[in-house]
Amino acid sequence: MQIGGRATGPSADMEPTMPCDLESLDQPPLGCAPDAIKLFVGNIPKCCTEVQLLPLFESVGKVVDLVIVRDKATWESKGSAFLWYATRANAEQAIAHFHMRHALPDADGHT
């Protein structure tokens, strides 16, 4: 699993339906400290759900928002997610703990 730095700008899958301020898309959601950062998580098995991933990420700190990136047409997971921790310190701890160090099992249970 790869977990890393601040995601900038909207996701490639995100198409605003009306004009918007792109800067506001990276503002921390309610429940986050003002200096919180959005994390990108890659290499997630496509069979994983938010419900399955949440306990793993909450082992580091309070998760405010976790969204798996999905295909618009099929709703199938694209194998990545965006994640907001309540504090920047929790996000940095998650990067140190998970980045290139943790493997999630696939649908067959292999890591």
Protein backbone atom coordinates (compact mmCIF):
# COMPACT_ATOMS: atom_id res chain seq x y z
CA MET A 1 0.00 0.00 0.00
CA GLN A 2 1.25 3.45 -0.76
CA ILE A 3 0.14 6.32 1.37
CA GLY A 4 1.51 9.74 0.92
CA GLY A 5 1.44 13.48 0.85
CA ARG A 6 -1.09 16.07 0.14
CA ALA A 7 -3.32 15.57 -2.84
CA THR A 8 -3.63 18.77 -4.80
CA GLY A 9 -6.58 19.76 -6.93
CA PRO A 10 -9.59 17.61 -7.63
CA SER A 11 -9.37 13.92 -8.41
CA ALA A 12 -9.09 13.05 -12.09
CA ASP A 13 -12.49 11.37 -11.75
CA MET A 14 -14.11 14.48 -10.36
CA GLU A 15 -15.92 16.71 -12.78
CA PRO A 16 -17.60 19.72 -11.20
CA THR A 17 -21.15 20.21 -12.42
CA MET A 18 -20.91 23.95 -11.87
CA PRO A 19 -18.07 26.43 -11.65
CA CYS A 20 -16.29 26.18 -8.34
CA ASP A 21 -13.26 27.42 -6.51
CA LEU A 22 -10.65 24.65 -6.90
CA GLU A 23 -8.84 25.87 -3.79
CA SER A 24 -11.92 25.10 -1.67
CA LEU A 25 -11.87 21.43 -2.75
CA ASP A 26 -8.76 20.87 -0.64
CA GLN A 27 -10.09 22.59 2.46
CA PRO A 28 -10.30 20.27 5.45
CA PRO A 29 -13.83 18.94 6.06
CA LEU A 30 -15.69 19.63 9.29
CA GLY A 31 -14.06 17.80 12.15
CA CYS A 32 -10.50 18.42 10.93
CA ALA A 33 -7.93 20.80 12.34
CA PRO A 34 -7.21 23.79 10.04
CA ASP A 35 -3.78 22.39 9.12
CA ALA A 36 -5.06 18.87 8.32
CA ILE A 37 -3.99 17.37 5.00
CA LYS A 38 -5.70 15.03 2.54
CA LEU A 39 -3.84 11.76 1.95
CA PHE A 40 -3.86 9.62 -1.18
CA VAL A 41 -3.77 5.86 -0.57
CA GLY A 42 -2.79 3.64 -3.49
CA ASN A 43 -2.59 -0.09 -4.15
CA ILE A 44 -5.74 -0.96 -2.24
CA PRO A 45 -7.22 -4.32 -3.30
CA LYS A 46 -10.31 -3.62 -5.38
CA CYS A 47 -12.37 -5.92 -3.14
CA CYS A 48 -11.86 -3.68 -0.07
CA THR A 49 -14.62 -1.38 1.13
CA GLU A 50 -14.54 1.74 3.27
CA VAL A 51 -15.98 -0.28 6.17
CA GLN A 52 -13.10 -2.77 5.93
CA LEU A 53 -10.40 -0.08 5.61
CA LEU A 54 -11.61 2.26 8.35
CA PRO A 55 -10.40 0.18 11.35
CA LEU A 56 -6.94 -0.11 9.80
CA PHE A 57 -6.58 3.64 9.32
CA GLU A 58 -8.22 4.47 12.65
CA SER A 59 -5.49 2.45 14.38
CA VAL A 60 -3.35 5.58 13.85
CA GLY A 61 -5.89 8.30 14.70
CA LYS A 62 -9.38 9.66 14.14
CA VAL A 63 -10.42 9.42 10.47
CA VAL A 64 -12.84 12.17 9.44
CA ASP A 65 -13.35 11.11 5.81
CA LEU A 66 -12.39 8.03 3.77
CA VAL A 67 -13.48 7.71 0.14
CA ILE A 68 -12.52 4.92 -2.24
CA VAL A 69 -12.06 6.15 -5.82
CA ARG A 70 -14.61 4.38 -8.03
CA ASP A 71 -15.39 4.12 -11.73
CA LYS A 72 -18.34 6.35 -12.62
CA ALA A 73 -20.04 3.83 -14.86
CA THR A 74 -19.47 0.53 -13.03
CA TRP A 75 -18.90 1.82 -9.48
CA GLU A 76 -15.97 -0.64 -9.29
CA SER A 77 -13.06 0.38 -7.06
CA LYS A 78 -10.05 1.78 -8.87
CA GLY A 79 -7.76 0.54 -6.09
CA SER A 80 -7.10 3.87 -4.41
CA ALA A 81 -8.66 6.22 -1.87
CA PHE A 82 -8.49 9.66 -0.31
CA LEU A 83 -8.35 10.03 3.43
CA TRP A 84 -8.58 12.90 5.94
CA TYR A 85 -7.38 12.50 9.51
CA ALA A 86 -8.60 14.91 12.18
CA THR A 87 -5.10 16.33 12.64
CA ARG A 88 -2.00 16.84 10.55
CA ALA A 89 -0.02 14.94 13.22
CA ASN A 90 -2.23 11.85 12.70
CA ALA A 91 -1.79 12.10 8.93
CA GLU A 92 1.98 12.31 9.27
CA GLN A 93 1.93 9.37 11.67
CA ALA A 94 -0.09 7.36 9.13
CA ILE A 95 2.43 8.15 6.39
CA ALA A 96 5.28 6.98 8.63
CA HIS A 97 3.36 3.86 9.67
CA PHE A 98 1.84 2.69 6.37
CA HIS A 99 3.86 4.07 3.44
CA MET A 100 5.41 1.11 1.62
CA ARG A 101 5.15 -0.97 4.80
CA HIS A 102 1.69 -2.46 4.94
CA ALA A 103 0.09 -4.92 2.54
CA LEU A 104 -3.61 -5.63 2.42
CA PRO A 105 -4.82 -9.06 1.37
CA ASP A 106 -6.52 -9.44 -2.00
CA ALA A 107 -9.84 -11.25 -2.53
CA ASP A 108 -8.04 -14.62 -2.22
CA GLY A 109 -6.34 -13.66 1.04
CA HIS A 110 -2.87 -13.19 -0.49
CA THR A 111 -0.76 -10.17 0.51
